[in-house]
Amino acid sequence: MRLNRRQFIKLSASTMAVFAAGLGVDENAAKAAGRSWKLRDTKEVPAICHFCAGGCGIIVHTKDDEVINIEGDPDHPTNQGSLCPKGAALGKVRHNPKRVTKPMYRAAGSTKFEEISWDNAIDKIANKIKDVRESTWNEAANRTDAIGVFGSAEIDNEECYLVTKLSRLIGVQYLEHQARM
């Protein structure tokens, strides 16, 4: 079928008019039916996205203790239903096969990581902090300038309090938090 320019424009306009009329399909009903099928028999739990200090509201749908769907909360005043790319990918964090779930250690000069126990990992971290603190301790100022602590938006108020207390206890001068960034 060959169309000249005028025939193409007429055909396009009539096609758009037919689609604008909607062909008798209720778009909202179709969307609601698709959503209800996807989320049938799930538990809906409101939550807060933990990736940054923005505090965006999310709705988590679970079924049999598994996360089925995560979406922005349209009733939340911060994000009004929208999510940033990190928040939108939140559901994939837990089910990612590349997610590290055990402590990994790479020895000096090595090219590969090896799995170690949690007790071993905590001991290595504590010993490193102790060594750095002792080797850089400033007696006059009663602190160390070689250690800094950067808090996370993924921890709650109580955990922030404990991180701050621990940091001050070991003489950390440089203490910052993601919420201020």
C-alpha atoms as a PDB file:
ATOM      1  CA  MET A   1       0.000   0.000   0.000  1.00  0.00           C
ATOM      2  CA  ARG A   2       1.516   3.309  -1.096  1.00  0.00           C
ATOM      3  CA  LEU A   3       0.438   6.502   0.618  1.00  0.00           C
ATOM      4  CA  ASN A   4       1.200  10.025  -0.318  1.00  0.00           C
ATOM      5  CA  ARG A   5       1.856  12.572   2.384  1.00  0.00           C
ATOM      6  CA  ARG A   6      -1.750  13.807   2.625  1.00  0.00           C
ATOM      7  CA  GLN A   7      -3.144  10.248   2.869  1.00  0.00           C
ATOM      8  CA  PHE A   8      -0.599   9.382   5.572  1.00  0.00           C
ATOM      9  CA  ILE A   9      -1.614  12.396   7.669  1.00  0.00           C
ATOM     10  CA  LYS A  10      -5.345  11.569   7.294  1.00  0.00           C
ATOM     11  CA  LEU A  11      -4.729   7.938   8.276  1.00  0.00           C
ATOM     12  CA  SER A  12      -2.621   8.989  11.261  1.00  0.00           C
ATOM     13  CA  ALA A  13      -5.227  11.496  12.455  1.00  0.00           C
ATOM     14  CA  SER A  14      -8.053   8.978  12.197  1.00  0.00           C
ATOM     15  CA  THR A  15      -5.980   6.351  14.030  1.00  0.00           C
ATOM     16  CA  MET A  16      -5.264   8.800  16.847  1.00  0.00           C
ATOM     17  CA  ALA A  17      -8.974   9.726  17.040  1.00  0.00           C
ATOM     18  CA  VAL A  18      -9.927   6.055  17.416  1.00  0.00           C
ATOM     19  CA  PHE A  19      -7.347   5.541  20.172  1.00  0.00           C
ATOM     20  CA  ALA A  20      -8.383   8.777  21.871  1.00  0.00           C
ATOM     21  CA  ALA A  21     -11.950   7.473  22.018  1.00  0.00           C
ATOM     22  CA  GLY A  22     -10.500   4.507  23.903  1.00  0.00           C
ATOM     23  CA  LEU A  23     -12.337   1.805  22.013  1.00  0.00           C
ATOM     24  CA  GLY A  24     -14.514   1.329  25.089  1.00  0.00           C
ATOM     25  CA  VAL A  25     -11.630   0.075  27.282  1.00  0.00           C
ATOM     26  CA  ASP A  26     -11.395   1.452  30.806  1.00  0.00           C
ATOM     27  CA  GLU A  27      -7.660   2.013  31.264  1.00  0.00           C
ATOM     28  CA  ASN A  28      -7.852   2.353  35.063  1.00  0.00           C
ATOM     29  CA  ALA A  29      -9.778  -0.913  35.396  1.00  0.00           C
ATOM     30  CA  ALA A  30      -7.231  -2.697  33.215  1.00  0.00           C
ATOM     31  CA  LYS A  31      -4.319  -1.403  35.307  1.00  0.00           C
ATOM     32  CA  ALA A  32      -6.064  -2.338  38.569  1.00  0.00           C
ATOM     33  CA  ALA A  33      -6.792  -5.859  37.325  1.00  0.00           C
ATOM     34  CA  GLY A  34      -3.151  -6.413  36.370  1.00  0.00           C
ATOM     35  CA  ARG A  35      -1.895  -5.092  39.714  1.00  0.00           C
ATOM     36  CA  SER A  36      -4.317  -7.189  41.753  1.00  0.00           C
ATOM     37  CA  TRP A  37      -3.268 -10.338  39.894  1.00  0.00           C
ATOM     38  CA  LYS A  38       0.436  -9.671  40.543  1.00  0.00           C
ATOM     39  CA  LEU A  39      -0.026  -8.904  44.237  1.00  0.00           C
ATOM     40  CA  ARG A  40      -2.738 -11.436  45.075  1.00  0.00           C
ATOM     41  CA  ASP A  41      -2.386 -12.964  48.564  1.00  0.00           C
ATOM     42  CA  THR A  42       0.517 -10.715  49.550  1.00  0.00           C
ATOM     43  CA  LYS A  43       0.987  -8.785  52.779  1.00  0.00           C
ATOM     44  CA  GLU A  44       1.478  -5.045  52.285  1.00  0.00           C
ATOM     45  CA  VAL A  45       3.920  -3.389  54.702  1.00  0.00           C
ATOM     46  CA  PRO A  46       4.813   0.325  54.666  1.00  0.00           C
ATOM     47  CA  ALA A  47       8.510   1.028  55.256  1.00  0.00           C
ATOM     48  CA  ILE A  48      11.259   3.579  54.719  1.00  0.00           C
ATOM     49  CA  CYS A  49      13.962   3.219  52.051  1.00  0.00           C
ATOM     50  CA  HIS A  50      17.337   2.779  53.737  1.00  0.00           C
ATOM     51  CA  PHE A  51      19.718   3.857  50.991  1.00  0.00           C
ATOM     52  CA  CYS A  52      20.145   7.499  51.924  1.00  0.00           C
ATOM     53  CA  ALA A  53      18.995  10.041  54.448  1.00  0.00           C
ATOM     54  CA  GLY A  54      16.021  11.122  52.317  1.00  0.00           C
ATOM     55  CA  GLY A  55      13.539   8.912  54.164  1.00  0.00           C
ATOM     56  CA  CYS A  56      11.414   7.999  51.144  1.00  0.00           C
ATOM     57  CA  GLY A  57       8.361   5.856  51.824  1.00  0.00           C
ATOM     58  CA  ILE A  58       8.085   2.431  50.221  1.00  0.00           C
ATOM     59  CA  ILE A  59       5.476  -0.305  50.209  1.00  0.00           C
ATOM     60  CA  VAL A  60       6.856  -3.824  50.517  1.00  0.00           C
ATOM     61  CA  HIS A  61       4.676  -6.734  49.408  1.00  0.00           C
ATOM     62  CA  THR A  62       5.594 -10.079  50.961  1.00  0.00           C
ATOM     63  CA  LYS A  63       4.304 -13.591  50.459  1.00  0.00           C
ATOM     64  CA  ASP A  64       5.506 -16.531  52.571  1.00  0.00           C
ATOM     65  CA  ASP A  65       8.224 -14.302  54.118  1.00  0.00           C
ATOM     66  CA  GLU A  66       9.643 -13.469  50.683  1.00  0.00           C
ATOM     67  CA  VAL A  67       9.709  -9.990  49.164  1.00  0.00           C
ATOM     68  CA  ILE A  68       7.538 -10.048  46.037  1.00  0.00           C
ATOM     69  CA  ASN A  69       7.367  -6.363  45.136  1.00  0.00           C
ATOM     70  CA  ILE A  70       8.682  -2.997  46.328  1.00  0.00           C
ATOM     71  CA  GLU A  71       7.214   0.283  45.149  1.00  0.00           C
ATOM     72  CA  GLY A  72       7.078   3.908  46.203  1.00  0.00           C
ATOM     73  CA  ASP A  73       4.393   4.897  48.696  1.00  0.00           C
ATOM     74  CA  PRO A  74       2.076   7.406  46.969  1.00  0.00           C
ATOM     75  CA  ASP A  75       0.806   8.657  50.358  1.00  0.00           C
ATOM     76  CA  HIS A  76       4.273   9.418  51.740  1.00  0.00           C
ATOM     77  CA  PRO A  77       5.037  13.164  51.891  1.00  0.00           C
ATOM     78  CA  THR A  78       8.737  12.841  51.017  1.00  0.00           C
ATOM     79  CA  ASN A  79       8.623  11.023  47.692  1.00  0.00           C
ATOM     80  CA  GLN A  80       4.872  10.834  46.885  1.00  0.00           C
ATOM     81  CA  GLY A  81       5.260   7.414  45.239  1.00  0.00           C
ATOM     82  CA  SER A  82       8.422   8.002  43.231  1.00  0.00           C
ATOM     83  CA  LEU A  83      11.728   6.249  43.898  1.00  0.00           C
ATOM     84  CA  CYS A  84      15.283   6.971  42.833  1.00  0.00           C
ATOM     85  CA  PRO A  85      17.175   4.225  40.933  1.00  0.00           C
ATOM     86  CA  LYS A  86      18.659   2.859  44.166  1.00  0.00           C
ATOM     87  CA  GLY A  87      15.256   2.700  45.838  1.00  0.00           C
ATOM     88  CA  ALA A  88      13.693   1.103  42.765  1.00  0.00           C
ATOM     89  CA  ALA A  89      16.372  -1.620  42.805  1.00  0.00           C
ATOM     90  CA  LEU A  90      15.883  -2.286  46.511  1.00  0.00           C
ATOM     91  CA  GLY A  91      14.086  -5.573  45.904  1.00  0.00           C
ATOM     92  CA  LYS A  92      17.003  -6.947  43.927  1.00  0.00           C
ATOM     93  CA  VAL A  93      19.506  -6.367  46.740  1.00  0.00           C
ATOM     94  CA  ARG A  94      18.312  -9.295  48.835  1.00  0.00           C
ATOM     95  CA  HIS A  95      18.002 -11.769  45.969  1.00  0.00           C
ATOM     96  CA  ASN A  96      21.218 -10.890  44.156  1.00  0.00           C
ATOM     97  CA  PRO A  97      23.390 -14.008  43.667  1.00  0.00           C
ATOM     98  CA  LYS A  98      26.512 -11.807  43.824  1.00  0.00           C
ATOM     99  CA  ARG A  99      25.589 -10.397  47.236  1.00  0.00           C
ATOM    100  CA  VAL A 100      28.329 -10.980  49.798  1.00  0.00           C
ATOM    101  CA  THR A 101      26.827 -12.610  52.894  1.00  0.00           C
ATOM    102  CA  LYS A 102      29.993 -13.743  54.698  1.00  0.00           C
ATOM    103  CA  PRO A 103      33.172 -11.878  55.639  1.00  0.00           C
ATOM    104  CA  MET A 104      35.832 -11.949  52.940  1.00  0.00           C
ATOM    105  CA  TYR A 105      39.538 -11.259  53.438  1.00  0.00           C
ATOM    106  CA  ARG A 106      42.272 -10.529  50.919  1.00  0.00           C
ATOM    107  CA  ALA A 107      45.737 -10.961  52.338  1.00  0.00           C
ATOM    108  CA  ALA A 108      48.444  -8.447  51.482  1.00  0.00           C
ATOM    109  CA  GLY A 109      49.853  -9.241  48.051  1.00  0.00           C
ATOM    110  CA  SER A 110      47.100 -11.723  47.245  1.00  0.00           C
ATOM    111  CA  THR A 111      44.874 -11.431  44.196  1.00  0.00           C
ATOM    112  CA  LYS A 112      41.873 -13.300  45.574  1.00  0.00           C
ATOM    113  CA  PHE A 113      39.506 -13.029  48.503  1.00  0.00           C
ATOM    114  CA  GLU A 114      38.988 -15.888  50.919  1.00  0.00           C
ATOM    115  CA  GLU A 115      36.069 -16.526  53.229  1.00  0.00           C
ATOM    116  CA  ILE A 116      36.754 -16.100  56.957  1.00  0.00           C
ATOM    117  CA  SER A 117      34.623 -16.439  60.093  1.00  0.00           C
ATOM    118  CA  TRP A 118      32.838 -13.501  61.691  1.00  0.00           C
ATOM    119  CA  ASP A 119      34.971 -13.840  64.823  1.00  0.00           C
ATOM    120  CA  ASN A 120      38.148 -13.704  62.724  1.00  0.00           C
ATOM    121  CA  ALA A 121      36.883 -10.657  60.808  1.00  0.00           C
ATOM    122  CA  ILE A 122      35.978  -8.779  64.003  1.00  0.00           C
ATOM    123  CA  ASP A 123      39.378  -9.617  65.526  1.00  0.00           C
ATOM    124  CA  LYS A 124      41.194  -8.332  62.404  1.00  0.00           C
ATOM    125  CA  ILE A 125      39.235  -5.063  62.450  1.00  0.00           C
ATOM    126  CA  ALA A 126      39.758  -4.543  66.199  1.00  0.00           C
ATOM    127  CA  ASN A 127      43.494  -5.254  65.949  1.00  0.00           C
ATOM    128  CA  LYS A 128      43.885  -2.855  63.004  1.00  0.00           C
ATOM    129  CA  ILE A 129      42.039  -0.076  64.834  1.00  0.00           C
ATOM    130  CA  LYS A 130      44.164  -0.667  67.943  1.00  0.00           C
ATOM    131  CA  ASP A 131      47.428  -0.612  65.952  1.00  0.00           C
ATOM    132  CA  VAL A 132      46.534   2.590  64.096  1.00  0.00           C
ATOM    133  CA  ARG A 133      45.295   4.294  67.259  1.00  0.00           C
ATOM    134  CA  GLU A 134      48.429   3.455  69.243  1.00  0.00           C
ATOM    135  CA  SER A 135      50.829   4.446  66.469  1.00  0.00           C
ATOM    136  CA  THR A 136      49.133   7.816  65.815  1.00  0.00           C
ATOM    137  CA  TRP A 137      47.966   8.857  69.291  1.00  0.00           C
ATOM    138  CA  ASN A 138      48.406  12.567  70.027  1.00  0.00           C
ATOM    139  CA  GLU A 139      49.004  12.923  73.798  1.00  0.00           C
ATOM    140  CA  ALA A 140      48.635  16.708  73.795  1.00  0.00           C
ATOM    141  CA  ALA A 141      45.195  16.627  72.146  1.00  0.00           C
ATOM    142  CA  ASN A 142      44.160  13.256  73.611  1.00  0.00           C
ATOM    143  CA  ARG A 143      43.000  11.933  70.229  1.00  0.00           C
ATOM    144  CA  THR A 144      44.052  10.297  66.979  1.00  0.00           C
ATOM    145  CA  ASP A 145      43.891  12.018  63.614  1.00  0.00           C
ATOM    146  CA  ALA A 146      44.395   8.807  61.642  1.00  0.00           C
ATOM    147  CA  ILE A 147      40.924   7.322  62.085  1.00  0.00           C
ATOM    148  CA  GLY A 148      37.689   8.741  60.747  1.00  0.00           C
ATOM    149  CA  VAL A 149      34.157   7.393  61.073  1.00  0.00           C
ATOM    150  CA  PHE A 150      31.446   7.975  58.511  1.00  0.00           C
ATOM    151  CA  GLY A 151      27.957   7.043  59.723  1.00  0.00           C
ATOM    152  CA  SER A 152      25.368   5.416  57.526  1.00  0.00           C
ATOM    153  CA  ALA A 153      21.750   6.174  56.744  1.00  0.00           C
ATOM    154  CA  GLU A 154      21.124   2.445  57.075  1.00  0.00           C
ATOM    155  CA  ILE A 155      21.431   2.510  60.852  1.00  0.00           C
ATOM    156  CA  ASP A 156      18.809   3.796  63.288  1.00  0.00           C
ATOM    157  CA  ASN A 157      19.134   6.393  66.045  1.00  0.00           C
ATOM    158  CA  GLU A 158      20.222   3.924  68.695  1.00  0.00           C
ATOM    159  CA  GLU A 159      22.950   2.496  66.468  1.00  0.00           C
ATOM    160  CA  CYS A 160      24.093   6.037  65.589  1.00  0.00           C
ATOM    161  CA  TYR A 161      24.350   6.786  69.310  1.00  0.00           C
ATOM    162  CA  LEU A 162      26.494   3.684  69.873  1.00  0.00           C
ATOM    163  CA  VAL A 163      28.760   4.458  66.882  1.00  0.00           C
ATOM    164  CA  THR A 164      29.256   7.998  68.195  1.00  0.00           C
ATOM    165  CA  LYS A 165      30.045   6.783  71.722  1.00  0.00           C
ATOM    166  CA  LEU A 166      32.518   4.171  70.434  1.00  0.00           C
ATOM    167  CA  SER A 167      34.173   6.711  68.145  1.00  0.00           C
ATOM    168  CA  ARG A 168      34.626   9.229  70.955  1.00  0.00           C
ATOM    169  CA  LEU A 169      35.822   6.482  73.292  1.00  0.00           C
ATOM    170  CA  ILE A 170      38.694   5.498  70.975  1.00  0.00           C
ATOM    171  CA  GLY A 171      39.637   9.131  70.354  1.00  0.00           C
ATOM    172  CA  VAL A 172      38.229   9.728  66.876  1.00  0.00           C
ATOM    173  CA  GLN A 173      38.180  13.387  65.933  1.00  0.00           C
ATOM    174  CA  TYR A 174      36.662  13.032  62.464  1.00  0.00           C
ATOM    175  CA  LEU A 175      33.094  11.830  62.900  1.00  0.00           C
ATOM    176  CA  GLU A 176      30.569  12.517  60.169  1.00  0.00           C
ATOM    177  CA  HIS A 177      27.211  11.171  59.079  1.00  0.00           C
ATOM    178  CA  GLN A 178      25.581  10.639  55.713  1.00  0.00           C
ATOM    179  CA  ALA A 179      22.504  12.631  56.729  1.00  0.00           C
ATOM    180  CA  ARG A 180      24.607  15.807  56.776  1.00  0.00           C
ATOM    181  CA  MET A 181      26.063  15.202  53.329  1.00  0.00           C
END
